């Protein structure tokens, strides 16, 4: 299987990198490893562990909830917006389906967006420029001013 990673070290470009993943469980740890590897040269001062946790949650959600009759991929992109880091996860499906759930104590699923909501400065979902849905989060003060 082919996987791609793009890095954009050019300072003019706000996009620092991207990865394309197959919608399979092995892609979640792959996303964590690749993000760690490719964000490191940019020396963010935010918690990479928190970012990796949030990416894991959003990639898992994309794999579990993405839908298409055609073969599809999950696209992860990360950007520097001033001193903030923005991460986007794109997948097929309708943006209206992304919402915070209120799981019962014994539910084993449904807490991913609560983690994103509590750890990120902000998050949002909507239509993706790639088609389907994008869910993104922002980590404030990822770089010094």
N, C-alpha and C. Protein backbone atom coordinates (compact mmCIF):
# COMPACT_ATOMS: atom_id res chain seq x y z
N UNK A 1 0.82 -1.18 0.00
CA UNK A 1 0.00 0.00 0.00
C UNK A 1 0.87 1.24 0.00
N UNK A 2 0.40 2.23 -0.74
CA UNK A 2 1.17 3.46 -0.83
C UNK A 2 0.65 4.48 0.18
N UNK A 3 1.57 5.11 0.87
CA UNK A 3 1.25 6.19 1.79
C UNK A 3 2.09 7.36 1.35
N UNK A 4 1.60 8.55 1.55
CA UNK A 4 2.38 9.71 1.16
C UNK A 4 2.49 10.66 2.34
N UNK A 5 3.61 11.35 2.36
CA UNK A 5 3.84 12.41 3.34
C UNK A 5 4.41 13.58 2.56
N UNK A 6 3.88 14.74 2.77
CA UNK A 6 4.40 15.95 2.15
C UNK A 6 4.89 16.87 3.24
N UNK A 7 6.06 17.45 3.02
CA UNK A 7 6.56 18.46 3.95
C UNK A 7 6.73 19.74 3.18
N UNK A 8 6.44 20.85 3.83
CA UNK A 8 6.53 22.14 3.20
C UNK A 8 7.35 23.06 4.09
N UNK A 9 8.70 22.96 4.00
CA UNK A 9 9.54 23.76 4.89
C UNK A 9 9.64 25.23 4.50
N UNK A 10 9.08 25.62 3.37
CA UNK A 10 9.16 27.01 2.92
C UNK A 10 8.43 27.92 3.92
N UNK A 11 9.08 28.97 4.36
CA UNK A 11 8.51 29.86 5.38
C UNK A 11 7.28 30.60 4.88
N UNK A 12 7.13 30.85 3.54
CA UNK A 12 5.98 31.57 3.04
C UNK A 12 4.70 30.75 3.18
N UNK A 13 4.83 29.46 3.20
CA UNK A 13 3.67 28.58 3.23
C UNK A 13 3.25 28.29 4.66
N UNK A 14 1.96 28.54 4.98
CA UNK A 14 1.52 28.23 6.34
C UNK A 14 1.36 26.72 6.57
N UNK A 15 1.25 25.94 5.47
CA UNK A 15 1.11 24.49 5.63
C UNK A 15 2.49 23.90 5.87
N UNK A 16 2.65 23.24 7.02
CA UNK A 16 3.94 22.64 7.37
C UNK A 16 4.07 21.22 6.87
N UNK A 17 2.95 20.53 6.70
CA UNK A 17 3.03 19.15 6.24
C UNK A 17 1.67 18.53 6.07
N UNK A 18 1.68 17.35 5.48
CA UNK A 18 0.43 16.62 5.26
C UNK A 18 0.75 15.15 5.13
N UNK A 19 -0.23 14.32 5.45
CA UNK A 19 -0.08 12.88 5.24
C UNK A 19 -1.42 12.33 4.75
N UNK A 20 -1.31 11.32 3.92
CA UNK A 20 -2.48 10.64 3.38
C UNK A 20 -2.46 9.22 3.90
N UNK A 21 -3.57 8.80 4.48
CA UNK A 21 -3.65 7.51 5.16
C UNK A 21 -4.81 6.68 4.63
N UNK A 22 -4.62 5.39 4.61
CA UNK A 22 -5.71 4.48 4.27
C UNK A 22 -6.64 4.35 5.46
N UNK A 23 -7.94 4.15 5.22
CA UNK A 23 -8.89 4.04 6.33
C UNK A 23 -8.85 2.67 6.99
N UNK A 24 -7.78 2.43 7.73
CA UNK A 24 -7.58 1.16 8.42
C UNK A 24 -6.95 1.44 9.78
N UNK A 25 -7.15 0.55 10.75
CA UNK A 25 -6.66 0.81 12.11
C UNK A 25 -5.15 1.09 12.19
N UNK A 26 -4.35 0.49 11.33
CA UNK A 26 -2.90 0.71 11.38
C UNK A 26 -2.51 2.15 11.07
N UNK A 27 -3.41 2.89 10.46
CA UNK A 27 -3.11 4.28 10.12
C UNK A 27 -3.06 5.19 11.34
N UNK A 28 -3.70 4.81 12.43
CA UNK A 28 -3.70 5.66 13.63
C UNK A 28 -2.30 5.75 14.24
N UNK A 29 -1.64 4.63 14.55
CA UNK A 29 -0.27 4.77 15.06
C UNK A 29 0.69 5.35 14.03
N UNK A 30 0.44 5.10 12.77
CA UNK A 30 1.28 5.67 11.70
C UNK A 30 1.15 7.19 11.72
N UNK A 31 -0.06 7.70 11.88
CA UNK A 31 -0.26 9.15 11.94
C UNK A 31 0.49 9.75 13.13
N UNK A 32 0.45 9.07 14.27
CA UNK A 32 1.17 9.57 15.45
C UNK A 32 2.66 9.64 15.18
N UNK A 33 3.22 8.55 14.64
CA UNK A 33 4.68 8.53 14.36
C UNK A 33 5.08 9.60 13.35
N UNK A 34 4.34 9.69 12.27
CA UNK A 34 4.69 10.64 11.21
C UNK A 34 4.57 12.08 11.69
N UNK A 35 3.51 12.38 12.44
CA UNK A 35 3.37 13.75 12.92
C UNK A 35 4.56 14.11 13.83
N UNK A 36 4.89 13.24 14.76
CA UNK A 36 6.03 13.50 15.65
C UNK A 36 7.30 13.77 14.84
N UNK A 37 7.53 12.93 13.85
CA UNK A 37 8.75 13.04 13.04
C UNK A 37 8.79 14.35 12.24
N UNK A 38 7.66 14.69 11.63
CA UNK A 38 7.68 15.82 10.70
C UNK A 38 7.36 17.16 11.32
N UNK A 39 6.88 17.21 12.56
CA UNK A 39 6.69 18.49 13.24
C UNK A 39 7.97 18.88 13.99
N UNK A 40 8.79 17.91 14.35
CA UNK A 40 9.99 18.17 15.16
C UNK A 40 10.91 19.25 14.59
N UNK A 41 11.20 19.29 13.29
CA UNK A 41 12.10 20.32 12.78
C UNK A 41 11.58 21.76 12.96
N UNK A 42 10.29 21.91 13.20
CA UNK A 42 9.71 23.24 13.37
C UNK A 42 9.76 23.71 14.83
N UNK A 43 10.23 22.85 15.73
CA UNK A 43 10.45 23.19 17.13
C UNK A 43 9.27 23.85 17.83
N UNK A 44 8.11 23.23 17.79
CA UNK A 44 6.99 23.80 18.55
C UNK A 44 7.25 23.67 20.04
N UNK A 45 6.70 24.60 20.82
CA UNK A 45 6.88 24.56 22.27
C UNK A 45 5.64 24.00 22.97
N UNK A 46 4.62 23.67 22.19
CA UNK A 46 3.40 23.08 22.77
C UNK A 46 3.64 21.60 23.06
N UNK A 47 2.71 20.97 23.72
CA UNK A 47 2.81 19.55 24.02
C UNK A 47 2.55 18.72 22.77
N UNK A 48 3.59 18.10 22.27
CA UNK A 48 3.44 17.21 21.11
C UNK A 48 2.60 16.00 21.52
N UNK A 49 2.73 15.55 22.75
CA UNK A 49 1.91 14.43 23.22
C UNK A 49 0.42 14.76 23.12
N UNK A 50 0.03 15.97 23.52
CA UNK A 50 -1.37 16.38 23.39
C UNK A 50 -1.79 16.40 21.93
N UNK A 51 -0.95 16.96 21.06
CA UNK A 51 -1.28 17.02 19.63
C UNK A 51 -1.45 15.62 19.06
N UNK A 52 -0.56 14.72 19.42
CA UNK A 52 -0.62 13.34 18.92
C UNK A 52 -1.90 12.66 19.41
N UNK A 53 -2.27 12.90 20.67
CA UNK A 53 -3.52 12.33 21.19
C UNK A 53 -4.72 12.84 20.39
N UNK A 54 -4.76 14.13 20.11
CA UNK A 54 -5.88 14.71 19.37
C UNK A 54 -5.91 14.20 17.93
N UNK A 55 -4.75 14.09 17.30
CA UNK A 55 -4.68 13.53 15.95
C UNK A 55 -5.18 12.09 15.96
N UNK A 56 -4.77 11.31 16.96
CA UNK A 56 -5.23 9.92 17.07
C UNK A 56 -6.75 9.86 17.12
N UNK A 57 -7.34 10.72 17.94
CA UNK A 57 -8.80 10.72 18.08
C UNK A 57 -9.49 11.09 16.77
N UNK A 58 -8.99 12.12 16.10
CA UNK A 58 -9.64 12.56 14.87
C UNK A 58 -9.43 11.59 13.71
N UNK A 59 -8.25 10.98 13.62
CA UNK A 59 -8.03 9.98 12.57
C UNK A 59 -8.89 8.75 12.84
N UNK A 60 -8.98 8.34 14.10
CA UNK A 60 -9.86 7.22 14.45
C UNK A 60 -11.30 7.52 14.06
N UNK A 61 -11.78 8.72 14.39
CA UNK A 61 -13.14 9.11 14.01
C UNK A 61 -13.31 9.11 12.50
N UNK A 62 -12.33 9.62 11.78
CA UNK A 62 -12.42 9.65 10.32
C UNK A 62 -12.52 8.24 9.76
N UNK A 63 -11.72 7.34 10.29
CA UNK A 63 -11.73 5.95 9.81
C UNK A 63 -13.07 5.28 10.16
N UNK A 64 -13.53 5.49 11.38
CA UNK A 64 -14.78 4.84 11.83
C UNK A 64 -16.03 5.42 11.18
N UNK A 65 -16.03 6.72 10.89
CA UNK A 65 -17.25 7.37 10.45
C UNK A 65 -17.22 7.87 9.01
N UNK A 66 -16.05 7.83 8.36
CA UNK A 66 -15.98 8.24 6.96
C UNK A 66 -16.77 7.26 6.11
N UNK A 67 -17.44 7.77 5.09
CA UNK A 67 -18.23 6.91 4.23
C UNK A 67 -18.09 7.34 2.78
N UNK A 68 -17.97 6.35 1.91
CA UNK A 68 -17.92 6.59 0.49
C UNK A 68 -18.15 5.28 -0.23
N UNK A 69 -18.82 5.35 -1.35
CA UNK A 69 -19.00 4.15 -2.16
C UNK A 69 -17.74 3.83 -2.94
N UNK A 70 -16.87 4.81 -3.10
CA UNK A 70 -15.61 4.64 -3.81
C UNK A 70 -14.48 4.45 -2.81
N UNK A 71 -13.34 3.92 -3.25
CA UNK A 71 -12.18 3.87 -2.35
C UNK A 71 -11.84 5.29 -1.88
N UNK A 72 -11.42 5.40 -0.62
CA UNK A 72 -11.15 6.71 -0.07
C UNK A 72 -9.95 6.69 0.86
N UNK A 73 -9.47 7.90 1.18
CA UNK A 73 -8.31 8.10 2.04
C UNK A 73 -8.63 9.16 3.08
N UNK A 74 -7.84 9.17 4.13
CA UNK A 74 -7.91 10.21 5.16
C UNK A 74 -6.71 11.13 4.93
N UNK A 75 -6.96 12.42 4.90
CA UNK A 75 -5.89 13.41 4.69
C UNK A 75 -5.72 14.20 5.98
N UNK A 76 -4.49 14.29 6.48
CA UNK A 76 -4.17 15.09 7.66
C UNK A 76 -3.21 16.19 7.21
N UNK A 77 -3.52 17.43 7.57
CA UNK A 77 -2.66 18.56 7.23
C UNK A 77 -2.41 19.37 8.49
N UNK A 78 -1.23 19.97 8.59
CA UNK A 78 -0.96 20.84 9.73
C UNK A 78 -0.33 22.13 9.24
N UNK A 79 -0.71 23.22 9.93
CA UNK A 79 -0.39 24.57 9.52
C UNK A 79 0.12 25.38 10.70
N UNK A 80 0.96 26.35 10.38
CA UNK A 80 1.34 27.35 11.39
C UNK A 80 0.56 28.61 11.08
N UNK A 81 -0.26 29.05 12.02
CA UNK A 81 -1.02 30.29 11.91
C UNK A 81 -0.52 31.23 12.99
N UNK A 82 0.45 32.05 12.64
CA UNK A 82 1.07 32.93 13.63
C UNK A 82 1.79 32.09 14.67
N UNK A 83 1.35 32.18 15.92
CA UNK A 83 1.97 31.37 16.97
C UNK A 83 1.19 30.08 17.24
N UNK A 84 0.11 29.87 16.49
CA UNK A 84 -0.74 28.68 16.71
C UNK A 84 -0.46 27.57 15.70
N UNK A 85 -0.79 26.37 16.10
CA UNK A 85 -0.74 25.19 15.24
C UNK A 85 -2.18 24.78 14.97
N UNK A 86 -2.51 24.60 13.68
CA UNK A 86 -3.83 24.10 13.30
C UNK A 86 -3.64 22.77 12.58
N UNK A 87 -4.40 21.77 13.00
CA UNK A 87 -4.36 20.44 12.39
C UNK A 87 -5.74 20.16 11.83
N UNK A 88 -5.79 19.69 10.59
CA UNK A 88 -7.04 19.34 9.93
C UNK A 88 -7.03 17.87 9.55
N UNK A 89 -8.17 17.21 9.74
CA UNK A 89 -8.33 15.82 9.33
C UNK A 89 -9.53 15.77 8.39
N UNK A 90 -9.28 15.37 7.14
CA UNK A 90 -10.29 15.34 6.09
C UNK A 90 -10.69 13.90 5.80
N UNK A 91 -12.00 13.67 5.65
CA UNK A 91 -12.50 12.35 5.29
C UNK A 91 -13.83 12.51 4.55
N UNK A 92 -14.25 11.47 3.82
CA UNK A 92 -15.54 11.56 3.14
C UNK A 92 -16.67 11.45 4.15
N UNK A 93 -17.80 11.95 3.80
CA UNK A 93 -18.96 11.90 4.68
C UNK A 93 -19.54 13.29 4.86
N UNK A 94 -20.62 13.36 5.56
CA UNK A 94 -21.33 14.63 5.73
C UNK A 94 -20.88 15.37 6.98
N UNK A 95 -20.59 16.67 6.87
CA UNK A 95 -20.15 17.44 8.04
C UNK A 95 -21.20 17.54 9.14
N UNK A 96 -22.46 17.38 8.80
CA UNK A 96 -23.51 17.51 9.81
C UNK A 96 -23.42 16.43 10.88
N UNK A 97 -22.72 15.33 10.60
CA UNK A 97 -22.64 14.23 11.55
C UNK A 97 -21.62 14.41 12.66
N UNK A 98 -20.81 15.47 12.62
CA UNK A 98 -19.77 15.68 13.63
C UNK A 98 -20.37 16.47 14.78
N UNK A 99 -20.37 15.87 15.98
CA UNK A 99 -20.92 16.54 17.14
C UNK A 99 -20.35 15.92 18.41
N UNK A 100 -20.37 16.71 19.47
CA UNK A 100 -20.00 16.17 20.78
C UNK A 100 -21.11 15.23 21.23
N UNK A 101 -20.73 14.04 21.62
CA UNK A 101 -21.70 13.10 22.17
C UNK A 101 -21.67 13.19 23.68
N UNK A 102 -22.68 12.63 24.30
CA UNK A 102 -22.75 12.59 25.75
C UNK A 102 -22.88 11.13 26.16
N UNK A 103 -21.74 10.40 26.14
CA UNK A 103 -21.80 8.97 26.43
C UNK A 103 -22.12 8.69 27.90
N UNK A 104 -22.75 7.57 28.12
CA UNK A 104 -22.98 7.10 29.48
C UNK A 104 -21.66 6.68 30.09
N UNK A 105 -21.63 6.52 31.38
CA UNK A 105 -20.42 6.13 32.10
C UNK A 105 -19.82 4.84 31.56
N UNK A 106 -20.66 3.91 31.15
CA UNK A 106 -20.18 2.60 30.73
C UNK A 106 -19.93 2.50 29.23
N UNK A 107 -20.23 3.55 28.46
CA UNK A 107 -19.96 3.52 27.02
C UNK A 107 -18.45 3.51 26.79
N UNK A 108 -18.01 2.72 25.83
CA UNK A 108 -16.58 2.64 25.54
C UNK A 108 -16.17 3.57 24.40
N UNK A 109 -17.12 4.25 23.78
CA UNK A 109 -16.84 5.16 22.67
C UNK A 109 -17.53 6.49 22.92
N UNK A 110 -17.16 7.51 22.12
CA UNK A 110 -17.87 8.77 22.17
C UNK A 110 -17.20 9.88 22.95
N UNK A 111 -15.94 9.69 23.34
CA UNK A 111 -15.27 10.72 24.13
C UNK A 111 -14.18 11.47 23.38
N UNK A 112 -13.92 11.09 22.13
CA UNK A 112 -12.83 11.68 21.36
C UNK A 112 -12.94 13.18 21.20
N UNK A 113 -14.11 13.65 20.80
CA UNK A 113 -14.27 15.10 20.64
C UNK A 113 -14.26 15.83 21.97
N UNK A 114 -14.61 15.16 23.06
CA UNK A 114 -14.49 15.78 24.38
C UNK A 114 -13.01 16.03 24.71
N UNK A 115 -12.15 15.09 24.33
CA UNK A 115 -10.71 15.31 24.52
C UNK A 115 -10.24 16.49 23.68
N UNK A 116 -10.67 16.53 22.43
CA UNK A 116 -10.29 17.65 21.56
C UNK A 116 -10.80 18.96 22.16
N UNK A 117 -12.04 18.96 22.60
CA UNK A 117 -12.65 20.16 23.18
C UNK A 117 -11.91 20.64 24.43
N UNK A 118 -11.41 19.71 25.23
CA UNK A 118 -10.75 20.10 26.47
C UNK A 118 -9.27 20.45 26.30
N UNK A 119 -8.59 19.87 25.32
CA UNK A 119 -7.15 20.11 25.17
C UNK A 119 -6.80 21.19 24.15
N UNK A 120 -7.63 21.37 23.15
CA UNK A 120 -7.34 22.35 22.10
C UNK A 120 -7.90 23.72 22.50
N UNK A 121 -7.30 24.76 21.95
CA UNK A 121 -7.83 26.10 22.18
C UNK A 121 -9.19 26.25 21.51
N UNK A 122 -9.36 25.58 20.37
CA UNK A 122 -10.63 25.57 19.67
C UNK A 122 -10.65 24.40 18.70
N UNK A 123 -11.85 24.07 18.23
CA UNK A 123 -11.99 23.04 17.20
C UNK A 123 -13.24 23.37 16.40
N UNK A 124 -13.30 22.82 15.19
CA UNK A 124 -14.47 23.03 14.36
C UNK A 124 -14.59 21.91 13.34
N UNK A 125 -15.76 21.82 12.74
CA UNK A 125 -15.97 20.86 11.66
C UNK A 125 -16.81 21.53 10.59
N UNK A 126 -16.72 21.00 9.39
CA UNK A 126 -17.50 21.54 8.29
C UNK A 126 -17.13 20.85 7.00
N UNK A 127 -17.56 21.41 5.89
CA UNK A 127 -17.24 20.82 4.59
C UNK A 127 -15.74 20.97 4.30
N UNK A 128 -15.14 19.93 3.77
CA UNK A 128 -13.72 19.93 3.41
C UNK A 128 -13.53 20.45 1.99
N UNK A 129 -12.46 21.19 1.77
CA UNK A 129 -12.13 21.63 0.42
C UNK A 129 -11.76 20.44 -0.46
N UNK A 130 -11.54 19.28 0.15
CA UNK A 130 -11.23 18.06 -0.59
C UNK A 130 -12.50 17.24 -0.87
N UNK A 131 -13.63 17.73 -0.39
CA UNK A 131 -14.88 16.98 -0.45
C UNK A 131 -15.07 16.25 0.87
N UNK A 132 -16.27 16.03 1.28
CA UNK A 132 -16.53 15.36 2.55
C UNK A 132 -16.45 16.33 3.71
N UNK A 133 -15.81 15.89 4.78
CA UNK A 133 -15.79 16.61 6.05
C UNK A 133 -14.37 16.90 6.49
N UNK A 134 -14.18 18.03 7.15
CA UNK A 134 -12.93 18.32 7.82
C UNK A 134 -13.25 18.62 9.28
N UNK A 135 -12.45 18.05 10.17
CA UNK A 135 -12.49 18.40 11.59
C UNK A 135 -11.10 18.92 11.91
N UNK A 136 -11.03 20.08 12.52
CA UNK A 136 -9.72 20.69 12.81
C UNK A 136 -9.67 21.15 14.26
N UNK A 137 -8.44 21.27 14.76
CA UNK A 137 -8.24 21.84 16.09
C UNK A 137 -7.08 22.80 16.02
N UNK A 138 -7.07 23.73 16.97
CA UNK A 138 -6.01 24.74 17.07
C UNK A 138 -5.37 24.63 18.44
N UNK A 139 -4.05 24.63 18.47
CA UNK A 139 -3.27 24.69 19.70
C UNK A 139 -2.64 26.07 19.73
N UNK A 140 -3.05 26.87 20.70
CA UNK A 140 -2.53 28.23 20.84
C UNK A 140 -1.12 28.21 21.39
N UNK A 141 -0.35 29.23 21.08
CA UNK A 141 1.00 29.40 21.61
C UNK A 141 1.88 28.18 21.35
N UNK A 142 1.76 27.62 20.17
CA UNK A 142 2.60 26.48 19.79
C UNK A 142 4.03 26.92 19.50
N UNK A 143 4.21 28.21 19.17
CA UNK A 143 5.52 28.81 18.94
C UNK A 143 5.58 30.13 19.67
N UNK A 144 6.77 30.53 20.09
CA UNK A 144 6.90 31.84 20.75
C UNK A 144 6.53 32.97 19.79
N UNK A 145 6.05 34.06 20.33
CA UNK A 145 5.66 35.22 19.51
C UNK A 145 6.88 35.87 18.90
